[in-house]
Amino acid sequence: MSKAVRKIVEESREKGYTEIDLGDKGLSNIADIPGLTQLRNLVRLTLSHNRLTTLPESIGGLESLEYLNVFHNHIEELPMALGNLKKLRYFNAAVNRLSSLPRGLGTASGLEILDLTYNNLQKGSLPGNFSQLRALYLGDNDFETLPDDIGEFRNLQVLVLRDNELIALPKTLGNLTRLRELHLQNNRLTVLPPEMEDQIVLGPSHVFEYIKTDAYKSVYERHVESAAVPPPKREKEKNAKRSRRK
């Protein structure tokens, strides 16, 4: 740890700063920074563009934290203690190496914006209880399907699912009545659940008028019952994605 980083933390403690930017400081372990996770007044913490592989459980002591940015690190696992951050509103963990999320993250009850773009997440990765979540960014992960309880994220307005391997969407997405943006580009979908008919205009109006009809609902049910083989994975893109794990 550099003297400059130590100085930033010491000044923040002495002067009561509420924001710290430690982006692009060559950090590999914030547990080695004396006093950082004891800054009870800290509201914003930026740790982007470092070499972090994990976050310490002691980060749960930052009881005033509302904004946490760990974009573009090497993080493979997040601590359960994130659930203790009851004031956390914004969490950016995009461009890391996450393959799962701690159940405790769902208990960070005030979380409104969660960015998990460009990780290695799959169906079983999402904890529930995101009651206040307004925007969820899951683009460029490894999802083939989504859990049914995503329909419980009732305040969700933006859901980004582009560049995954999705072969089906759960009918419970129809419960997201506040949804205004749904991004599905570059997946393996061949049909959409008719339960989504009243939520959002996703493309040409004549297409979505058709989705509202009984004829389409019949087509959809036949498709589900036939267990049709989904389009193949895009091997070239998947190989490129796996390189993140090295």
Protein backbone atom coordinates (compact mmCIF):
# COMPACT_ATOMS: atom_id res chain seq x y z
CA MET A 1 0.00 0.00 0.00
CA SER A 2 1.37 3.39 -0.99
CA LYS A 3 1.90 6.32 1.35
CA ALA A 4 -0.56 8.30 -0.77
CA VAL A 5 -3.38 5.85 0.00
CA ARG A 6 -2.56 5.88 3.71
CA LYS A 7 -2.60 9.69 3.66
CA ILE A 8 -6.01 9.80 1.95
CA VAL A 9 -7.54 7.57 4.62
CA GLU A 10 -5.90 9.41 7.50
CA GLU A 11 -7.10 12.80 6.21
CA SER A 12 -10.59 11.42 5.73
CA ARG A 13 -10.69 10.24 9.34
CA GLU A 14 -9.28 13.48 10.74
CA LYS A 15 -11.45 15.84 8.68
CA GLY A 16 -14.60 13.75 8.53
CA TYR A 17 -14.72 13.42 4.74
CA THR A 18 -17.74 11.51 3.44
CA GLU A 19 -16.21 10.52 0.08
CA ILE A 20 -13.04 8.62 -0.78
CA ASP A 21 -11.79 7.82 -4.29
CA LEU A 22 -9.19 5.04 -4.33
CA GLY A 23 -9.69 4.17 -7.98
CA ASP A 24 -6.67 3.04 -10.00
CA LYS A 25 -4.30 2.86 -7.01
CA GLY A 26 -2.91 -0.62 -7.63
CA LEU A 27 -4.74 -2.03 -4.59
CA SER A 28 -4.93 -5.80 -4.10
CA ASN A 29 -6.42 -5.98 -0.59
CA ILE A 30 -8.25 -3.16 1.19
CA ALA A 31 -8.02 -5.07 4.48
CA ASP A 32 -4.39 -3.89 4.53
CA ILE A 33 -5.44 -0.22 4.60
CA PRO A 34 -5.49 0.83 8.28
CA GLY A 35 -8.74 2.42 9.38
CA LEU A 36 -10.57 2.37 6.03
CA THR A 37 -13.46 0.14 7.11
CA GLN A 38 -13.81 2.07 10.37
CA LEU A 39 -14.86 5.33 8.70
CA ARG A 40 -18.42 5.38 10.02
CA ASN A 41 -19.30 8.65 8.23
CA LEU A 42 -18.20 7.46 4.78
CA VAL A 43 -21.01 7.81 2.20
CA ARG A 44 -19.18 7.17 -1.09
CA LEU A 45 -16.31 4.74 -1.68
CA THR A 46 -14.73 4.21 -5.09
CA LEU A 47 -12.35 1.26 -5.55
CA SER A 48 -12.59 0.82 -9.32
CA HIS A 49 -9.72 -0.18 -11.62
CA ASN A 50 -7.65 -2.00 -9.02
CA ARG A 51 -6.56 -5.62 -8.52
CA LEU A 52 -8.91 -6.61 -5.71
CA THR A 53 -9.88 -10.30 -5.55
CA THR A 54 -12.28 -9.95 -2.62
CA LEU A 55 -13.73 -7.49 -0.12
CA PRO A 56 -13.26 -8.01 3.64
CA GLU A 57 -16.17 -8.78 5.96
CA SER A 58 -15.20 -5.63 7.86
CA ILE A 59 -16.67 -3.54 5.03
CA GLY A 60 -20.00 -4.15 6.74
CA GLY A 61 -18.89 -1.62 9.34
CA LEU A 62 -19.30 1.29 6.91
CA GLU A 63 -22.79 1.92 8.24
CA SER A 64 -23.34 5.24 6.39
CA LEU A 65 -22.24 3.96 2.97
CA GLU A 66 -24.66 4.74 0.13
CA TYR A 67 -22.40 4.35 -2.92
CA LEU A 68 -19.88 1.54 -3.50
CA ASN A 69 -17.99 1.17 -6.78
CA VAL A 70 -15.66 -1.82 -7.33
CA PHE A 71 -15.88 -1.74 -11.14
CA HIS A 72 -13.09 -3.50 -13.05
CA ASN A 73 -11.26 -5.58 -10.46
CA HIS A 74 -10.64 -9.34 -10.14
CA ILE A 75 -13.25 -10.04 -7.47
CA GLU A 76 -14.44 -13.66 -7.39
CA GLU A 77 -16.49 -13.54 -4.20
CA LEU A 78 -18.38 -10.92 -2.20
CA PRO A 79 -18.75 -10.94 1.61
CA MET A 80 -22.02 -11.66 3.41
CA ALA A 81 -21.41 -8.46 5.38
CA LEU A 82 -22.60 -6.37 2.41
CA GLY A 83 -26.08 -7.12 3.73
CA ASN A 84 -25.27 -4.98 6.78
CA LEU A 85 -25.04 -1.85 4.62
CA LYS A 86 -28.65 -0.79 5.13
CA LYS A 87 -28.12 2.64 3.54
CA LEU A 88 -26.45 1.31 0.40
CA ARG A 89 -28.26 2.63 -2.68
CA TYR A 90 -25.78 2.06 -5.52
CA PHE A 91 -23.44 -0.91 -5.98
CA ASN A 92 -21.31 -1.33 -9.10
CA ALA A 93 -19.46 -4.66 -9.32
CA ALA A 94 -19.30 -4.79 -13.13
CA VAL A 95 -16.29 -6.29 -14.92
CA ASN A 96 -15.19 -8.74 -12.26
CA ARG A 97 -15.12 -12.55 -11.96
CA LEU A 98 -18.20 -13.23 -9.86
CA SER A 99 -19.93 -16.59 -10.36
CA SER A 100 -22.27 -16.20 -7.38
CA LEU A 101 -23.64 -13.56 -5.01
CA PRO A 102 -23.95 -13.78 -1.23
CA ARG A 103 -27.47 -14.27 0.10
CA GLY A 104 -26.81 -11.34 2.40
CA LEU A 105 -26.73 -8.92 -0.51
CA GLY A 106 -30.49 -9.21 -0.81
CA THR A 107 -30.85 -7.92 2.74
CA ALA A 108 -29.26 -4.59 1.80
CA SER A 109 -32.84 -3.39 1.76
CA GLY A 110 -32.22 0.10 0.40
CA LEU A 111 -30.34 -1.00 -2.72
CA GLU A 112 -31.76 0.77 -5.80
CA ILE A 113 -29.13 0.31 -8.53
CA LEU A 114 -27.11 -2.90 -8.93
CA ASP A 115 -24.63 -3.29 -11.80
CA LEU A 116 -23.23 -6.80 -12.31
CA THR A 117 -22.40 -6.49 -16.00
CA TYR A 118 -19.59 -8.66 -17.40
CA ASN A 119 -19.24 -11.35 -14.76
CA ASN A 120 -19.83 -15.13 -14.79
CA LEU A 121 -23.25 -15.26 -13.13
CA GLN A 122 -25.86 -17.97 -13.78
CA LYS A 123 -29.43 -18.79 -12.72
CA GLY A 124 -28.74 -19.69 -9.10
CA SER A 125 -26.68 -16.54 -8.55
CA LEU A 126 -29.43 -14.05 -7.73
CA PRO A 127 -30.54 -13.60 -4.12
CA GLY A 128 -34.07 -12.38 -3.49
CA ASN A 129 -35.51 -9.59 -1.37
CA PHE A 130 -34.45 -6.70 -3.63
CA SER A 131 -37.61 -4.87 -2.70
CA GLN A 132 -36.36 -1.37 -3.56
CA LEU A 133 -34.27 -2.23 -6.63
CA ARG A 134 -35.02 0.11 -9.56
CA ALA A 135 -32.27 -0.88 -12.01
CA LEU A 136 -30.57 -4.26 -12.45
CA TYR A 137 -27.77 -4.68 -14.98
CA LEU A 138 -26.95 -8.32 -15.78
CA GLY A 139 -25.61 -7.94 -19.32
CA ASP A 140 -22.76 -10.15 -20.52
CA ASN A 141 -23.04 -12.96 -17.99
CA ASP A 142 -23.80 -16.67 -18.43
CA PHE A 143 -27.56 -16.85 -17.78
CA GLU A 144 -29.52 -19.45 -19.77
CA THR A 145 -32.60 -19.01 -17.57
CA LEU A 146 -33.66 -16.71 -14.75
CA PRO A 147 -35.17 -17.63 -11.37
CA ASP A 148 -38.93 -17.24 -11.06
CA ASP A 149 -38.53 -14.98 -8.04
CA ILE A 150 -37.17 -12.21 -10.22
CA GLY A 151 -40.85 -11.38 -10.54
CA GLU A 152 -40.74 -10.26 -6.90
CA PHE A 153 -38.54 -7.26 -7.74
CA ARG A 154 -41.69 -5.17 -7.97
CA ASN A 155 -40.02 -1.72 -8.14
CA LEU A 156 -37.77 -2.65 -11.04
CA GLN A 157 -37.83 -0.11 -13.89
CA VAL A 158 -34.71 -1.10 -15.84
CA LEU A 159 -33.61 -4.69 -16.49
CA VAL A 160 -30.61 -5.32 -18.75
CA LEU A 161 -30.11 -8.94 -19.89
CA ARG A 162 -28.29 -8.45 -23.19
CA ASP A 163 -25.37 -10.68 -24.24
CA ASN A 164 -26.23 -13.73 -22.15
CA GLU A 165 -27.26 -17.24 -23.26
CA LEU A 166 -30.95 -16.92 -22.40
CA ILE A 167 -33.16 -19.59 -23.95
CA ALA A 168 -36.33 -18.73 -22.00
CA LEU A 169 -37.78 -16.04 -19.76
CA PRO A 170 -39.92 -16.76 -16.69
CA LYS A 171 -43.61 -15.89 -16.86
CA THR A 172 -43.19 -14.01 -13.59
CA LEU A 173 -41.59 -11.13 -15.51
CA GLY A 174 -45.21 -10.21 -16.15
CA ASN A 175 -45.40 -9.14 -12.50
CA LEU A 176 -42.94 -6.29 -13.07
CA THR A 177 -45.59 -3.69 -13.77
CA ARG A 178 -43.20 -0.74 -13.32
CA LEU A 179 -40.68 -2.01 -15.86
CA ARG A 180 -39.88 0.58 -18.52
CA GLU A 181 -36.70 -0.80 -20.12
CA LEU A 182 -35.95 -4.43 -20.91
CA HIS A 183 -32.81 -5.17 -22.93
CA LEU A 184 -32.64 -8.66 -24.45
CA GLN A 185 -30.24 -8.26 -27.37
CA ASN A 186 -27.87 -11.10 -28.29
CA ASN A 187 -29.47 -14.03 -26.50
CA ARG A 188 -30.87 -17.36 -27.74
CA LEU A 189 -34.56 -16.56 -27.23
CA THR A 190 -37.11 -17.72 -29.79
CA VAL A 191 -40.32 -16.79 -27.92
CA LEU A 192 -41.42 -14.37 -25.18
CA PRO A 193 -43.97 -15.17 -22.47
CA PRO A 194 -47.36 -13.65 -23.36
CA GLU A 195 -47.65 -12.56 -19.70
CA MET A 196 -45.36 -9.65 -20.63
CA GLU A 197 -47.90 -8.16 -23.03
CA ASP A 198 -48.93 -5.10 -21.01
CA GLN A 199 -45.56 -4.00 -19.68
CA ILE A 200 -43.38 -2.49 -22.33
CA VAL A 201 -43.01 -1.84 -26.04
CA LEU A 202 -39.88 -3.75 -27.01
CA GLY A 203 -39.98 -3.51 -30.80
CA PRO A 204 -42.22 -2.98 -33.84
CA SER A 205 -45.82 -2.47 -32.73
CA HIS A 206 -47.26 -5.12 -35.08
CA VAL A 207 -45.05 -7.77 -33.43
CA PHE A 208 -46.26 -6.94 -29.95
CA GLU A 209 -49.86 -6.68 -31.00
CA TYR A 210 -49.48 -10.26 -32.18
CA ILE A 211 -48.06 -11.33 -28.80
CA LYS A 212 -51.30 -10.14 -27.18
CA THR A 213 -53.46 -12.46 -29.29
CA ASP A 214 -54.82 -15.88 -28.36
CA ALA A 215 -53.13 -17.26 -31.46
CA TYR A 216 -49.71 -16.33 -30.14
CA LYS A 217 -50.51 -17.72 -26.70
CA SER A 218 -51.34 -21.02 -28.35
CA VAL A 219 -48.06 -20.94 -30.30
CA TYR A 220 -46.15 -20.20 -27.10
CA GLU A 221 -47.75 -23.08 -25.18
CA ARG A 222 -47.00 -25.52 -28.01
CA HIS A 223 -43.41 -24.32 -28.07
CA VAL A 224 -43.02 -24.92 -24.33
CA GLU A 225 -44.70 -28.33 -24.44
CA SER A 226 -42.58 -29.51 -27.36
CA ALA A 227 -39.32 -28.85 -25.47
CA ALA A 228 -37.86 -27.43 -28.66
CA VAL A 229 -34.07 -27.38 -28.91
CA PRO A 230 -32.81 -23.80 -28.39
CA PRO A 231 -30.36 -22.18 -30.79
CA PRO A 232 -26.74 -23.25 -30.22
CA LYS A 233 -24.37 -21.31 -28.03
CA ARG A 234 -22.14 -18.80 -29.70
CA GLU A 235 -18.86 -20.60 -29.09
CA LYS A 236 -16.59 -17.82 -30.29
CA GLU A 237 -18.10 -15.28 -27.93
CA LYS A 238 -18.20 -17.73 -25.02
CA ASN A 239 -14.52 -18.54 -25.45
CA ALA A 240 -13.72 -14.86 -25.32
CA LYS A 241 -15.79 -14.52 -22.16
CA ARG A 242 -14.01 -17.40 -20.43
CA SER A 243 -10.74 -15.52 -20.75
CA ARG A 244 -11.92 -13.27 -17.92
CA ARG A 245 -11.37 -16.08 -15.44
CA LYS A 246 -7.62 -16.23 -15.97
